[in-house]
């Protein structure tokens, strides 16, 4: 099973990838801007949820990347 830390790392990676590719996809007509915005909003919400779970389980720890969660 994939742990919470790994899930957070993966969602962050996915968000970074979407920030790079969505503008090209919108420009190329693959998706419309409203779709891209919605997908980014949803994935950001996933990240907030996972970081909240991490903070609840580890109130005094960060994720090892210098970013304090919570």
C-alpha atoms as a PDB file:
ATOM      1  CA  UNK A   1       0.000   0.000   0.000  1.00  0.00           C
ATOM      2  CA  UNK A   2       1.207   3.484  -0.808  1.00  0.00           C
ATOM      3  CA  UNK A   3       1.677   5.662   2.253  1.00  0.00           C
ATOM      4  CA  UNK A   4       0.316   9.138   2.793  1.00  0.00           C
ATOM      5  CA  UNK A   5       3.692  10.794   2.189  1.00  0.00           C
ATOM      6  CA  UNK A   6       4.000   9.079  -1.193  1.00  0.00           C
ATOM      7  CA  UNK A   7       0.461  10.052  -2.133  1.00  0.00           C
ATOM      8  CA  UNK A   8       1.197  13.697  -1.355  1.00  0.00           C
ATOM      9  CA  UNK A   9       4.397  13.555  -3.386  1.00  0.00           C
ATOM     10  CA  UNK A  10       2.520  12.062  -6.325  1.00  0.00           C
ATOM     11  CA  UNK A  11      -0.250  14.653  -6.233  1.00  0.00           C
ATOM     12  CA  UNK A  12       2.353  17.423  -6.138  1.00  0.00           C
ATOM     13  CA  UNK A  13       4.089  15.859  -9.141  1.00  0.00           C
ATOM     14  CA  UNK A  14       0.797  15.598 -11.002  1.00  0.00           C
ATOM     15  CA  UNK A  15      -0.059  19.237 -10.299  1.00  0.00           C
ATOM     16  CA  UNK A  16       3.352  20.350 -11.580  1.00  0.00           C
ATOM     17  CA  UNK A  17       2.884  18.302 -14.745  1.00  0.00           C
ATOM     18  CA  UNK A  18      -0.577  19.754 -15.329  1.00  0.00           C
ATOM     19  CA  UNK A  19       0.774  23.292 -14.897  1.00  0.00           C
ATOM     20  CA  UNK A  20       3.217  22.534 -17.719  1.00  0.00           C
ATOM     21  CA  UNK A  21       0.941  20.720 -20.159  1.00  0.00           C
ATOM     22  CA  UNK A  22      -2.508  22.259 -19.721  1.00  0.00           C
ATOM     23  CA  UNK A  23      -1.596  25.581 -21.357  1.00  0.00           C
ATOM     24  CA  UNK A  24      -0.418  23.678 -24.453  1.00  0.00           C
ATOM     25  CA  UNK A  25      -3.502  21.482 -24.418  1.00  0.00           C
ATOM     26  CA  UNK A  26      -5.782  24.514 -24.214  1.00  0.00           C
ATOM     27  CA  UNK A  27      -3.863  26.269 -26.996  1.00  0.00           C
ATOM     28  CA  UNK A  28      -4.095  23.134 -29.141  1.00  0.00           C
ATOM     29  CA  UNK A  29      -7.815  22.664 -28.549  1.00  0.00           C
ATOM     30  CA  UNK A  30      -7.421  19.376 -26.697  1.00  0.00           C
ATOM     31  CA  UNK A  31      -9.325  20.796 -23.684  1.00  0.00           C
ATOM     32  CA  UNK A  32     -10.999  24.122 -22.968  1.00  0.00           C
ATOM     33  CA  UNK A  33      -9.717  26.488 -20.283  1.00  0.00           C
ATOM     34  CA  UNK A  34     -12.734  25.874 -18.038  1.00  0.00           C
ATOM     35  CA  UNK A  35     -11.949  22.148 -18.064  1.00  0.00           C
ATOM     36  CA  UNK A  36      -8.287  22.748 -17.238  1.00  0.00           C
ATOM     37  CA  UNK A  37      -9.269  25.053 -14.382  1.00  0.00           C
ATOM     38  CA  UNK A  38     -11.719  22.513 -12.984  1.00  0.00           C
ATOM     39  CA  UNK A  39      -9.188  19.661 -13.142  1.00  0.00           C
ATOM     40  CA  UNK A  40      -6.554  21.796 -11.419  1.00  0.00           C
ATOM     41  CA  UNK A  41      -9.022  22.861  -8.733  1.00  0.00           C
ATOM     42  CA  UNK A  42      -9.979  19.260  -8.045  1.00  0.00           C
ATOM     43  CA  UNK A  43      -6.396  18.059  -7.820  1.00  0.00           C
ATOM     44  CA  UNK A  44      -5.480  20.971  -5.563  1.00  0.00           C
ATOM     45  CA  UNK A  45      -8.382  19.957  -3.304  1.00  0.00           C
ATOM     46  CA  UNK A  46      -6.987  16.413  -3.167  1.00  0.00           C
ATOM     47  CA  UNK A  47      -3.635  17.826  -2.080  1.00  0.00           C
ATOM     48  CA  UNK A  48      -5.230  19.951   0.643  1.00  0.00           C
ATOM     49  CA  UNK A  49      -7.111  16.904   1.929  1.00  0.00           C
ATOM     50  CA  UNK A  50      -4.019  14.706   1.992  1.00  0.00           C
ATOM     51  CA  UNK A  51      -1.919  17.402   3.663  1.00  0.00           C
ATOM     52  CA  UNK A  52      -4.650  17.794   6.283  1.00  0.00           C
ATOM     53  CA  UNK A  53      -4.528  14.077   6.978  1.00  0.00           C
ATOM     54  CA  UNK A  54      -0.735  14.232   7.225  1.00  0.00           C
ATOM     55  CA  UNK A  55      -0.930  17.115   9.683  1.00  0.00           C
ATOM     56  CA  UNK A  56      -3.490  15.275  11.808  1.00  0.00           C
ATOM     57  CA  UNK A  57      -1.225  12.214  11.977  1.00  0.00           C
ATOM     58  CA  UNK A  58       2.082  14.121  12.295  1.00  0.00           C
ATOM     59  CA  UNK A  59       1.364  17.507  13.867  1.00  0.00           C
ATOM     60  CA  UNK A  60       5.022  18.393  14.431  1.00  0.00           C
ATOM     61  CA  UNK A  61       6.588  16.956  11.258  1.00  0.00           C
ATOM     62  CA  UNK A  62       7.004  18.204   7.736  1.00  0.00           C
ATOM     63  CA  UNK A  63       7.100  16.002   4.651  1.00  0.00           C
ATOM     64  CA  UNK A  64      10.883  16.021   4.392  1.00  0.00           C
ATOM     65  CA  UNK A  65      10.939  18.714   1.731  1.00  0.00           C
ATOM     66  CA  UNK A  66      11.193  21.711   4.006  1.00  0.00           C
ATOM     67  CA  UNK A  67       7.505  22.518   3.658  1.00  0.00           C
ATOM     68  CA  UNK A  68       5.637  22.499   6.938  1.00  0.00           C
ATOM     69  CA  UNK A  69       2.261  20.873   6.532  1.00  0.00           C
ATOM     70  CA  UNK A  70      -0.503  22.220   8.697  1.00  0.00           C
END
